[in-house]
Amino acid sequence: MSDEATTEVLKALQAALAAEHAAVYGYGVVGGRIGAQRLTEARSAYDAHRARRDALAREVRDLGAAPVAANAAYALPFEVTDATTAVRLAAALEARVADVYSDLVRASSGERRGSAAGALREAAVRAVRWSGQSVAFPGLAERDAPLGRAGASASPSPSASSTP
């Protein structure tokens, strides 16, 4: 792999790791408000994101870099006060994770690309379960655009650096 390709892969790995840190934090908030009916689903997603986070940190170290650290806290995209807003947050977390994994799919090849595609798929499936809505191409920026307005987003995508 060329230095330029390694740099792109590392950048995408670090972005995915940052998104996983934010998702782990966010699911802590979700778990506190979700209610008993969907608590098992929230715990399962939390565990999946922790496992992905740990695997990504190992991959970054294997490439000779220091994994990006988690923030102490993250600004949420909206106030989470009850089970309904907790479900909205879970859907937003999964959409954000799918976004960054699509970048990792583009930047990588071989086994890493397959793993990233699997993570993108898992996040997209969880997003559908939480939101009740699907998109044609999870992880693409124009996914929420009204017909004829490619690139316009109907809902903001939180950034991995400051929000889950």
C-alpha atoms as a PDB file:
ATOM      1  CA  MET A   1       0.000   0.000   0.000  1.00  0.00           C
ATOM      2  CA  SER A   2       1.377   3.436  -0.908  1.00  0.00           C
ATOM      3  CA  ASP A   3       1.938   6.093   1.727  1.00  0.00           C
ATOM      4  CA  GLU A   4      -0.941   8.112   0.287  1.00  0.00           C
ATOM      5  CA  ALA A   5      -3.297   5.112   0.428  1.00  0.00           C
ATOM      6  CA  THR A   6      -2.193   4.326   3.985  1.00  0.00           C
ATOM      7  CA  THR A   7      -2.854   7.937   4.978  1.00  0.00           C
ATOM      8  CA  GLU A   8      -6.364   7.812   3.499  1.00  0.00           C
ATOM      9  CA  VAL A   9      -7.132   4.502   5.198  1.00  0.00           C
ATOM     10  CA  LEU A  10      -5.795   5.793   8.503  1.00  0.00           C
ATOM     11  CA  LYS A  11      -7.864   8.970   8.211  1.00  0.00           C
ATOM     12  CA  ALA A  12     -11.011   6.915   7.516  1.00  0.00           C
ATOM     13  CA  LEU A  13     -10.207   4.496  10.364  1.00  0.00           C
ATOM     14  CA  GLN A  14      -9.758   7.391  12.788  1.00  0.00           C
ATOM     15  CA  ALA A  15     -13.061   8.946  11.666  1.00  0.00           C
ATOM     16  CA  ALA A  16     -14.839   5.623  12.147  1.00  0.00           C
ATOM     17  CA  LEU A  17     -13.214   5.256  15.563  1.00  0.00           C
ATOM     18  CA  ALA A  18     -14.336   8.766  16.551  1.00  0.00           C
ATOM     19  CA  ALA A  19     -17.882   7.949  15.427  1.00  0.00           C
ATOM     20  CA  GLU A  20     -17.816   4.726  17.439  1.00  0.00           C
ATOM     21  CA  HIS A  21     -16.639   6.638  20.534  1.00  0.00           C
ATOM     22  CA  ALA A  22     -19.573   9.015  20.047  1.00  0.00           C
ATOM     23  CA  ALA A  23     -22.003   6.129  19.497  1.00  0.00           C
ATOM     24  CA  VAL A  24     -20.876   4.408  22.701  1.00  0.00           C
ATOM     25  CA  TYR A  25     -21.427   7.652  24.595  1.00  0.00           C
ATOM     26  CA  GLY A  26     -24.758   8.256  22.877  1.00  0.00           C
ATOM     27  CA  TYR A  27     -26.042   4.786  23.663  1.00  0.00           C
ATOM     28  CA  GLY A  28     -25.281   5.498  27.323  1.00  0.00           C
ATOM     29  CA  VAL A  29     -27.779   8.340  27.057  1.00  0.00           C
ATOM     30  CA  VAL A  30     -30.219   6.194  25.061  1.00  0.00           C
ATOM     31  CA  GLY A  31     -30.062   3.435  27.673  1.00  0.00           C
ATOM     32  CA  GLY A  32     -30.981   5.861  30.422  1.00  0.00           C
ATOM     33  CA  ARG A  33     -34.174   6.960  28.673  1.00  0.00           C
ATOM     34  CA  ILE A  34     -35.240   4.152  26.343  1.00  0.00           C
ATOM     35  CA  GLY A  35     -37.628   2.307  28.633  1.00  0.00           C
ATOM     36  CA  ALA A  36     -37.850  -1.410  29.287  1.00  0.00           C
ATOM     37  CA  GLN A  37     -39.517  -2.289  25.972  1.00  0.00           C
ATOM     38  CA  ARG A  38     -36.409  -1.585  23.843  1.00  0.00           C
ATOM     39  CA  LEU A  39     -33.654  -1.737  26.450  1.00  0.00           C
ATOM     40  CA  THR A  40     -32.330  -5.088  25.186  1.00  0.00           C
ATOM     41  CA  GLU A  41     -32.035  -3.643  21.675  1.00  0.00           C
ATOM     42  CA  ALA A  42     -30.164  -0.610  23.021  1.00  0.00           C
ATOM     43  CA  ARG A  43     -27.788  -2.817  25.025  1.00  0.00           C
ATOM     44  CA  SER A  44     -27.096  -4.950  21.976  1.00  0.00           C
ATOM     45  CA  ALA A  45     -26.268  -1.869  19.886  1.00  0.00           C
ATOM     46  CA  TYR A  46     -24.085  -0.491  22.689  1.00  0.00           C
ATOM     47  CA  ASP A  47     -22.137  -3.755  22.849  1.00  0.00           C
ATOM     48  CA  ALA A  48     -21.753  -3.853  19.051  1.00  0.00           C
ATOM     49  CA  HIS A  49     -20.355  -0.307  19.002  1.00  0.00           C
ATOM     50  CA  ARG A  50     -17.948  -1.058  21.849  1.00  0.00           C
ATOM     51  CA  ALA A  51     -16.649  -4.106  19.959  1.00  0.00           C
ATOM     52  CA  ARG A  52     -16.246  -2.111  16.717  1.00  0.00           C
ATOM     53  CA  ARG A  53     -14.534   0.689  18.630  1.00  0.00           C
ATOM     54  CA  ASP A  54     -12.020  -1.713  20.145  1.00  0.00           C
ATOM     55  CA  ALA A  55     -11.333  -3.396  16.786  1.00  0.00           C
ATOM     56  CA  LEU A  56     -10.798  -0.030  15.089  1.00  0.00           C
ATOM     57  CA  ALA A  57      -8.371   1.069  17.813  1.00  0.00           C
ATOM     58  CA  ARG A  58      -6.360  -2.115  17.196  1.00  0.00           C
ATOM     59  CA  GLU A  59      -6.323  -1.472  13.438  1.00  0.00           C
ATOM     60  CA  VAL A  60      -5.079   2.089  13.950  1.00  0.00           C
ATOM     61  CA  ARG A  61      -2.311   0.846  16.252  1.00  0.00           C
ATOM     62  CA  ASP A  62      -1.413  -1.854  13.705  1.00  0.00           C
ATOM     63  CA  LEU A  63      -0.824   0.941  11.172  1.00  0.00           C
ATOM     64  CA  GLY A  64       1.577   2.576  13.625  1.00  0.00           C
ATOM     65  CA  ALA A  65      -0.630   5.443  14.772  1.00  0.00           C
ATOM     66  CA  ALA A  66      -2.188   6.405  18.079  1.00  0.00           C
ATOM     67  CA  PRO A  67      -5.964   5.867  18.094  1.00  0.00           C
ATOM     68  CA  VAL A  68      -8.042   9.016  18.448  1.00  0.00           C
ATOM     69  CA  ALA A  69      -9.239   9.320  22.044  1.00  0.00           C
ATOM     70  CA  ALA A  70     -12.851   9.572  23.088  1.00  0.00           C
ATOM     71  CA  ASN A  71     -14.123  12.928  24.262  1.00  0.00           C
ATOM     72  CA  ALA A  72     -15.150  13.162  27.911  1.00  0.00           C
ATOM     73  CA  ALA A  73     -18.642  14.112  26.733  1.00  0.00           C
ATOM     74  CA  TYR A  74     -20.453  14.851  23.496  1.00  0.00           C
ATOM     75  CA  ALA A  75     -23.032  17.505  22.667  1.00  0.00           C
ATOM     76  CA  LEU A  76     -26.231  15.766  21.674  1.00  0.00           C
ATOM     77  CA  PRO A  77     -28.065  16.930  18.537  1.00  0.00           C
ATOM     78  CA  PHE A  78     -31.222  17.481  20.639  1.00  0.00           C
ATOM     79  CA  GLU A  79     -32.402  17.034  24.208  1.00  0.00           C
ATOM     80  CA  VAL A  80     -33.132  13.427  25.149  1.00  0.00           C
ATOM     81  CA  THR A  81     -35.899  13.474  27.750  1.00  0.00           C
ATOM     82  CA  ASP A  82     -37.929  10.321  27.170  1.00  0.00           C
ATOM     83  CA  ALA A  83     -38.160   7.052  25.231  1.00  0.00           C
ATOM     84  CA  THR A  84     -39.297   8.802  22.037  1.00  0.00           C
ATOM     85  CA  THR A  85     -36.306  11.125  21.904  1.00  0.00           C
ATOM     86  CA  ALA A  86     -34.011   8.258  22.935  1.00  0.00           C
ATOM     87  CA  VAL A  87     -35.191   6.306  19.871  1.00  0.00           C
ATOM     88  CA  ARG A  88     -34.555   9.378  17.687  1.00  0.00           C
ATOM     89  CA  LEU A  89     -31.044   9.651  19.098  1.00  0.00           C
ATOM     90  CA  ALA A  90     -30.337   5.965  18.459  1.00  0.00           C
ATOM     91  CA  ALA A  91     -31.423   6.388  14.827  1.00  0.00           C
ATOM     92  CA  ALA A  92     -29.221   9.492  14.469  1.00  0.00           C
ATOM     93  CA  LEU A  93     -26.235   7.666  15.964  1.00  0.00           C
ATOM     94  CA  GLU A  94     -26.610   4.809  13.512  1.00  0.00           C
ATOM     95  CA  ALA A  95     -26.971   7.153  10.537  1.00  0.00           C
ATOM     96  CA  ARG A  96     -23.751   8.920  11.547  1.00  0.00           C
ATOM     97  CA  VAL A  97     -21.894   5.635  11.944  1.00  0.00           C
ATOM     98  CA  ALA A  98     -23.108   4.483   8.522  1.00  0.00           C
ATOM     99  CA  ASP A  99     -21.807   7.757   7.040  1.00  0.00           C
ATOM    100  CA  VAL A 100     -18.268   7.245   8.285  1.00  0.00           C
ATOM    101  CA  TYR A 101     -18.162   3.565   7.423  1.00  0.00           C
ATOM    102  CA  SER A 102     -19.046   4.428   3.831  1.00  0.00           C
ATOM    103  CA  ASP A 103     -15.888   6.554   3.782  1.00  0.00           C
ATOM    104  CA  LEU A 104     -13.876   3.628   5.166  1.00  0.00           C
ATOM    105  CA  VAL A 105     -15.297   1.336   2.472  1.00  0.00           C
ATOM    106  CA  ARG A 106     -14.165   3.806  -0.193  1.00  0.00           C
ATOM    107  CA  ALA A 107     -10.689   4.228   1.319  1.00  0.00           C
ATOM    108  CA  SER A 108      -9.876   0.578   1.931  1.00  0.00           C
ATOM    109  CA  SER A 109      -9.605  -2.714   0.118  1.00  0.00           C
ATOM    110  CA  GLY A 110      -9.593  -6.428   0.794  1.00  0.00           C
ATOM    111  CA  GLU A 111     -10.587  -7.712   4.219  1.00  0.00           C
ATOM    112  CA  ARG A 112     -10.751  -4.206   5.716  1.00  0.00           C
ATOM    113  CA  ARG A 113     -13.213  -3.118   3.026  1.00  0.00           C
ATOM    114  CA  GLY A 114     -15.368  -6.174   3.713  1.00  0.00           C
ATOM    115  CA  SER A 115     -15.358  -5.460   7.432  1.00  0.00           C
ATOM    116  CA  ALA A 116     -16.240  -1.796   6.845  1.00  0.00           C
ATOM    117  CA  ALA A 117     -19.065  -2.790   4.493  1.00  0.00           C
ATOM    118  CA  GLY A 118     -20.376  -5.162   7.162  1.00  0.00           C
ATOM    119  CA  ALA A 119     -20.266  -2.390   9.775  1.00  0.00           C
ATOM    120  CA  LEU A 120     -22.066  -0.029   7.387  1.00  0.00           C
ATOM    121  CA  ARG A 121     -24.752  -2.654   6.780  1.00  0.00           C
ATOM    122  CA  GLU A 122     -25.202  -3.311  10.498  1.00  0.00           C
ATOM    123  CA  ALA A 123     -25.534   0.410  11.255  1.00  0.00           C
ATOM    124  CA  ALA A 124     -28.015   0.861   8.406  1.00  0.00           C
ATOM    125  CA  VAL A 125     -30.138  -2.041   9.666  1.00  0.00           C
ATOM    126  CA  ARG A 126     -30.120  -0.658  13.207  1.00  0.00           C
ATOM    127  CA  ALA A 127     -31.023   2.811  11.870  1.00  0.00           C
ATOM    128  CA  VAL A 128     -34.044   1.325  10.095  1.00  0.00           C
ATOM    129  CA  ARG A 129     -35.077  -0.550  13.232  1.00  0.00           C
ATOM    130  CA  TRP A 130     -34.873   2.609  15.316  1.00  0.00           C
ATOM    131  CA  SER A 131     -36.382   5.067  12.837  1.00  0.00           C
ATOM    132  CA  GLY A 132     -38.795   2.864  10.923  1.00  0.00           C
ATOM    133  CA  GLN A 133     -37.460   4.409   7.704  1.00  0.00           C
ATOM    134  CA  SER A 134     -34.845   3.276   5.236  1.00  0.00           C
ATOM    135  CA  VAL A 135     -32.694   4.955   2.625  1.00  0.00           C
ATOM    136  CA  ALA A 136     -31.635   3.608  -0.741  1.00  0.00           C
ATOM    137  CA  PHE A 137     -27.895   4.019  -0.196  1.00  0.00           C
ATOM    138  CA  PRO A 138     -26.953   4.218   3.501  1.00  0.00           C
ATOM    139  CA  GLY A 139     -23.867   6.283   4.170  1.00  0.00           C
ATOM    140  CA  LEU A 140     -24.277   8.629   1.204  1.00  0.00           C
ATOM    141  CA  ALA A 141     -24.705  12.326   1.976  1.00  0.00           C
ATOM    142  CA  GLU A 142     -27.602  12.775  -0.440  1.00  0.00           C
ATOM    143  CA  ARG A 143     -29.613   9.999   1.200  1.00  0.00           C
ATOM    144  CA  ASP A 144     -32.079  12.391   2.844  1.00  0.00           C
ATOM    145  CA  ALA A 145     -32.370  14.815  -0.069  1.00  0.00           C
ATOM    146  CA  PRO A 146     -35.810  15.452  -1.503  1.00  0.00           C
ATOM    147  CA  LEU A 147     -36.183  14.202  -5.068  1.00  0.00           C
ATOM    148  CA  GLY A 148     -34.362  16.498  -7.465  1.00  0.00           C
ATOM    149  CA  ARG A 149     -32.207  18.139  -4.801  1.00  0.00           C
ATOM    150  CA  ALA A 150     -29.117  15.944  -4.607  1.00  0.00           C
ATOM    151  CA  GLY A 151     -26.757  17.050  -1.893  1.00  0.00           C
ATOM    152  CA  ALA A 152     -29.452  18.793   0.152  1.00  0.00           C
ATOM    153  CA  SER A 153     -30.016  17.165   3.485  1.00  0.00           C
ATOM    154  CA  ALA A 154     -33.380  17.109   5.213  1.00  0.00           C
ATOM    155  CA  SER A 155     -31.735  16.487   8.569  1.00  0.00           C
ATOM    156  CA  PRO A 156     -28.361  17.510   9.893  1.00  0.00           C
ATOM    157  CA  SER A 157     -25.702  14.849  10.356  1.00  0.00           C
ATOM    158  CA  PRO A 158     -23.927  15.259  13.665  1.00  0.00           C
ATOM    159  CA  SER A 159     -20.150  15.402  13.529  1.00  0.00           C
ATOM    160  CA  ALA A 160     -18.083  12.727  15.209  1.00  0.00           C
ATOM    161  CA  SER A 161     -15.873  15.274  16.911  1.00  0.00           C
ATOM    162  CA  SER A 162     -18.517  17.104  18.901  1.00  0.00           C
ATOM    163  CA  THR A 163     -21.763  15.145  18.769  1.00  0.00           C
ATOM    164  CA  PRO A 164     -22.767  11.524  18.525  1.00  0.00           C
END
